[in-house]
Amino acid sequence: MAETESRTDRRRARHAATKQEIVAAAWRLARERGLGGWSLRDVADAVGMRAPSLYVYFPSKNAVFDAMFADGCAALLDTLAPAAAGVAGRPPAEVLSVAATTFFDFCAEDPARYQLLFLRTVPGFEPSEASYALAQDVLEGLARVLTAIGWDSAEDVDLWTALIVGLVSQQLSNDPGGDRWRRLVPTAVAMFLTTRSPTGAAPTIGT
């Protein structure tokens, strides 16, 4: 019985490792050719596999996209975790500055990943419930950070994400590889701090 379980565990480990290899190959192709510039056959060739064998691991290209989406969200969660640690007691400007620059750099360093996670650039693709739950974890983590420094409304989260994602989009569209919009992150943080009250409501203009 123990030997059978051990063989089963090894097969599962090999299966999981092969799936991760396929996802890594798909990311490489997406970065080289764009999200829509590769086929399942291309991925199979990249990992030294016959195309029909790939279907044992992923039944469709959208299934590969789903695994890539989950992989990207997990990477974002790992990246943001240190920035979210020890928020309590820190000045809001410091917390938001660290969160904003960490998120900006994560997105700007990999345009293909940014497009898949934050833009609807793949026609017909919708993340699965399990993969989308990881994206929700990112938003919930952001909400906890904002709540800890006094901004506790859903509107605050929406405004903050629109502000920073907008800067990333401008950077990637108009100055890829540069820092024109990254330099505006501190200004964006200051704008957010001066135009939003800690209760989530916009202050009266002139006060």
Protein backbone atom coordinates (compact mmCIF):
# COMPACT_ATOMS: atom_id res chain seq x y z
CA MET A 1 0.00 0.00 0.00
CA ALA A 2 2.76 2.44 0.94
CA GLU A 3 4.62 1.66 -2.31
CA THR A 4 1.46 2.27 -4.35
CA GLU A 5 0.87 5.58 -2.62
CA SER A 6 4.48 6.54 -3.22
CA ARG A 7 4.17 5.82 -6.96
CA THR A 8 0.96 7.83 -7.06
CA ASP A 9 2.62 10.75 -5.32
CA ARG A 10 5.53 10.64 -7.78
CA ARG A 11 3.15 10.63 -10.74
CA ARG A 12 1.27 13.58 -9.31
CA ALA A 13 4.52 15.44 -8.72
CA ARG A 14 5.67 14.76 -12.30
CA HIS A 15 2.27 15.82 -13.65
CA ALA A 16 2.38 19.06 -11.66
CA ALA A 17 5.97 19.74 -12.72
CA THR A 18 5.09 19.21 -16.38
CA LYS A 19 2.10 21.55 -16.10
CA GLN A 20 4.34 24.21 -14.61
CA GLU A 21 6.87 23.68 -17.41
CA ILE A 22 4.08 24.17 -19.96
CA VAL A 23 2.91 27.37 -18.24
CA ALA A 24 6.48 28.70 -18.15
CA ALA A 25 6.85 27.97 -21.87
CA ALA A 26 3.56 29.74 -22.61
CA TRP A 27 4.77 32.79 -20.70
CA ARG A 28 8.01 32.83 -22.71
CA LEU A 29 6.07 32.70 -25.97
CA ALA A 30 3.64 35.38 -24.79
CA ARG A 31 6.56 37.68 -23.96
CA GLU A 32 8.19 37.04 -27.32
CA ARG A 33 5.10 37.12 -29.56
CA GLY A 34 2.29 38.68 -27.55
CA LEU A 35 -0.55 36.95 -25.74
CA GLY A 36 -2.29 35.91 -28.94
CA GLY A 37 0.81 35.11 -30.98
CA TRP A 38 1.26 31.45 -30.10
CA SER A 39 -0.59 28.16 -30.42
CA LEU A 40 -0.77 25.03 -28.34
CA ARG A 41 1.47 23.38 -30.92
CA ASP A 42 4.06 26.10 -30.32
CA VAL A 43 3.92 25.40 -26.58
CA ALA A 44 4.23 21.66 -27.17
CA ASP A 45 7.28 22.22 -29.37
CA ALA A 46 8.81 24.47 -26.70
CA VAL A 47 8.64 21.71 -24.08
CA GLY A 48 9.58 18.87 -26.45
CA MET A 49 6.13 17.32 -26.47
CA ARG A 50 3.80 16.20 -29.25
CA ALA A 51 0.78 18.47 -29.52
CA PRO A 52 -1.82 15.76 -28.71
CA SER A 53 0.05 14.96 -25.50
CA LEU A 54 -0.40 18.53 -24.33
CA TYR A 55 -4.14 17.94 -24.04
CA VAL A 56 -3.48 15.53 -21.19
CA TYR A 57 -2.45 18.59 -19.20
CA PHE A 58 -4.52 21.39 -20.74
CA PRO A 59 -7.62 20.75 -22.86
CA SER A 60 -7.55 24.15 -24.57
CA LYS A 61 -5.56 27.33 -25.02
CA ASN A 62 -7.92 29.09 -22.62
CA ALA A 63 -7.04 26.49 -20.01
CA VAL A 64 -3.39 27.47 -20.44
CA PHE A 65 -4.37 31.12 -20.13
CA ASP A 66 -6.22 30.26 -16.93
CA ALA A 67 -3.13 28.62 -15.46
CA MET A 68 -1.07 31.64 -16.53
CA PHE A 69 -3.60 33.96 -14.87
CA ALA A 70 -3.39 32.00 -11.62
CA ASP A 71 0.39 31.95 -11.83
CA GLY A 72 0.50 35.72 -12.33
CA CYS A 73 -1.88 36.41 -9.44
CA ALA A 74 0.14 34.16 -7.14
CA ALA A 75 3.31 36.04 -8.12
CA LEU A 76 1.61 39.36 -7.39
CA LEU A 77 0.45 38.15 -3.98
CA ASP A 78 4.00 37.06 -3.16
CA THR A 79 5.39 40.39 -4.34
CA LEU A 80 2.94 42.50 -2.36
CA ALA A 81 3.15 40.48 0.86
CA PRO A 82 6.29 42.22 2.22
CA ALA A 83 4.84 45.65 1.37
CA ALA A 84 1.65 44.80 3.27
CA ALA A 85 3.46 43.52 6.36
CA GLY A 86 3.60 45.75 9.41
CA VAL A 87 1.23 48.39 8.03
CA ALA A 88 -0.23 49.36 11.39
CA GLY A 89 1.38 52.43 12.87
CA ARG A 90 3.23 53.46 9.72
CA PRO A 91 2.47 56.85 8.10
CA PRO A 92 -0.16 56.53 5.34
CA ALA A 93 2.10 58.30 2.83
CA GLU A 94 4.84 55.72 3.42
CA VAL A 95 2.46 52.77 3.19
CA LEU A 96 0.85 53.98 -0.03
CA SER A 97 4.17 54.91 -1.60
CA VAL A 98 5.62 51.46 -0.99
CA ALA A 99 2.44 49.72 -2.16
CA ALA A 100 2.20 51.85 -5.30
CA THR A 101 5.80 51.51 -6.40
CA THR A 102 5.84 47.77 -5.67
CA PHE A 103 2.69 47.23 -7.73
CA PHE A 104 3.86 49.55 -10.52
CA ASP A 105 7.21 47.79 -10.87
CA PHE A 106 5.58 44.35 -10.84
CA CYS A 107 3.31 45.34 -13.72
CA ALA A 108 5.85 47.30 -15.75
CA GLU A 109 8.49 44.58 -15.68
CA ASP A 110 6.27 42.14 -17.59
CA PRO A 111 3.79 43.71 -20.07
CA ALA A 112 2.37 40.33 -21.15
CA ARG A 113 1.55 39.41 -17.56
CA TYR A 114 0.07 42.85 -16.93
CA GLN A 115 -2.15 42.55 -20.00
CA LEU A 116 -3.45 39.14 -18.98
CA LEU A 117 -4.13 40.09 -15.37
CA PHE A 118 -5.55 43.58 -15.81
CA LEU A 119 -6.72 44.07 -19.40
CA ARG A 120 -9.27 42.10 -21.40
CA THR A 121 -6.89 41.44 -24.27
CA VAL A 122 -7.71 37.76 -24.92
CA PRO A 123 -11.09 37.39 -26.68
CA GLY A 124 -13.28 34.77 -25.06
CA PHE A 125 -11.08 34.19 -22.04
CA GLU A 126 -12.51 34.42 -18.55
CA PRO A 127 -10.54 33.15 -15.55
CA SER A 128 -11.96 30.18 -13.73
CA GLU A 129 -13.53 30.59 -10.32
CA ALA A 130 -10.40 29.24 -8.63
CA SER A 131 -8.06 31.54 -10.56
CA TYR A 132 -10.28 34.57 -10.11
CA ALA A 133 -10.31 33.92 -6.37
CA LEU A 134 -6.58 34.69 -6.39
CA ALA A 135 -7.30 38.04 -8.04
CA GLN A 136 -9.88 38.70 -5.34
CA ASP A 137 -7.24 37.90 -2.73
CA VAL A 138 -5.11 40.69 -4.20
CA LEU A 139 -7.98 43.18 -3.94
CA GLU A 140 -8.87 42.06 -0.44
CA GLY A 141 -5.25 42.47 0.61
CA LEU A 142 -5.26 46.00 -0.78
CA ALA A 143 -8.52 46.73 1.03
CA ARG A 144 -6.98 45.55 4.30
CA VAL A 145 -3.98 47.82 3.78
CA LEU A 146 -6.17 50.83 3.04
CA THR A 147 -8.42 50.05 6.01
CA ALA A 148 -5.42 49.84 8.31
CA ILE A 149 -4.43 53.41 7.43
CA GLY A 150 -7.95 54.84 7.55
CA TRP A 151 -9.45 54.39 4.09
CA ASP A 152 -12.17 51.78 4.40
CA SER A 153 -14.65 52.18 1.54
CA ALA A 154 -14.93 50.19 -1.69
CA GLU A 155 -14.75 53.50 -3.52
CA ASP A 156 -11.29 54.09 -2.09
CA VAL A 157 -10.10 50.74 -3.47
CA ASP A 158 -11.62 51.49 -6.88
CA LEU A 159 -10.05 54.93 -7.05
CA TRP A 160 -6.66 53.73 -5.88
CA THR A 161 -6.49 50.84 -8.36
CA ALA A 162 -7.66 53.06 -11.24
CA LEU A 163 -5.01 55.63 -10.36
CA ILE A 164 -2.06 53.24 -10.26
CA VAL A 165 -3.18 50.95 -13.08
CA GLY A 166 -3.69 54.06 -15.20
CA LEU A 167 -0.09 55.12 -14.61
CA VAL A 168 1.14 51.64 -15.54
CA SER A 169 -0.90 51.67 -18.76
CA GLN A 170 0.51 55.04 -19.73
CA GLN A 171 4.05 53.86 -19.00
CA LEU A 172 3.75 50.69 -21.06
CA SER A 173 1.94 52.42 -23.92
CA ASN A 174 4.04 55.55 -24.23
CA ASP A 175 7.42 54.99 -22.58
CA PRO A 176 8.13 51.25 -22.42
CA GLY A 177 11.36 50.61 -20.61
CA GLY A 178 11.47 54.18 -19.30
CA ASP A 179 10.30 55.85 -16.12
CA ARG A 180 8.21 58.84 -17.26
CA TRP A 181 5.05 57.70 -15.47
CA ARG A 182 6.84 55.90 -12.66
CA ARG A 183 8.22 59.28 -11.61
CA LEU A 184 4.62 60.42 -11.15
CA VAL A 185 3.82 57.76 -8.54
CA PRO A 186 4.74 59.99 -5.56
CA THR A 187 2.58 62.76 -7.00
CA ALA A 188 -0.31 60.33 -7.45
CA VAL A 189 0.05 59.18 -3.84
CA ALA A 190 0.03 62.79 -2.64
CA MET A 191 -3.07 63.53 -4.74
CA PHE A 192 -4.87 60.56 -3.24
CA LEU A 193 -3.93 61.60 0.27
CA THR A 194 -5.03 65.21 -0.20
CA THR A 195 -8.28 64.54 -2.04
CA ARG A 196 -9.63 61.67 0.06
CA SER A 197 -10.50 61.81 3.73
CA PRO A 198 -9.68 58.82 5.99
CA THR A 199 -13.37 57.90 6.00
CA GLY A 200 -13.39 57.38 2.26
CA ALA A 201 -15.35 60.52 1.38
CA ALA A 202 -13.99 63.27 -0.82
CA PRO A 203 -13.31 66.44 1.15
CA THR A 204 -15.02 69.66 0.22
CA ILE A 205 -12.98 71.59 -2.33
CA GLY A 206 -11.21 74.50 -0.68
CA THR A 207 -11.13 73.02 2.82
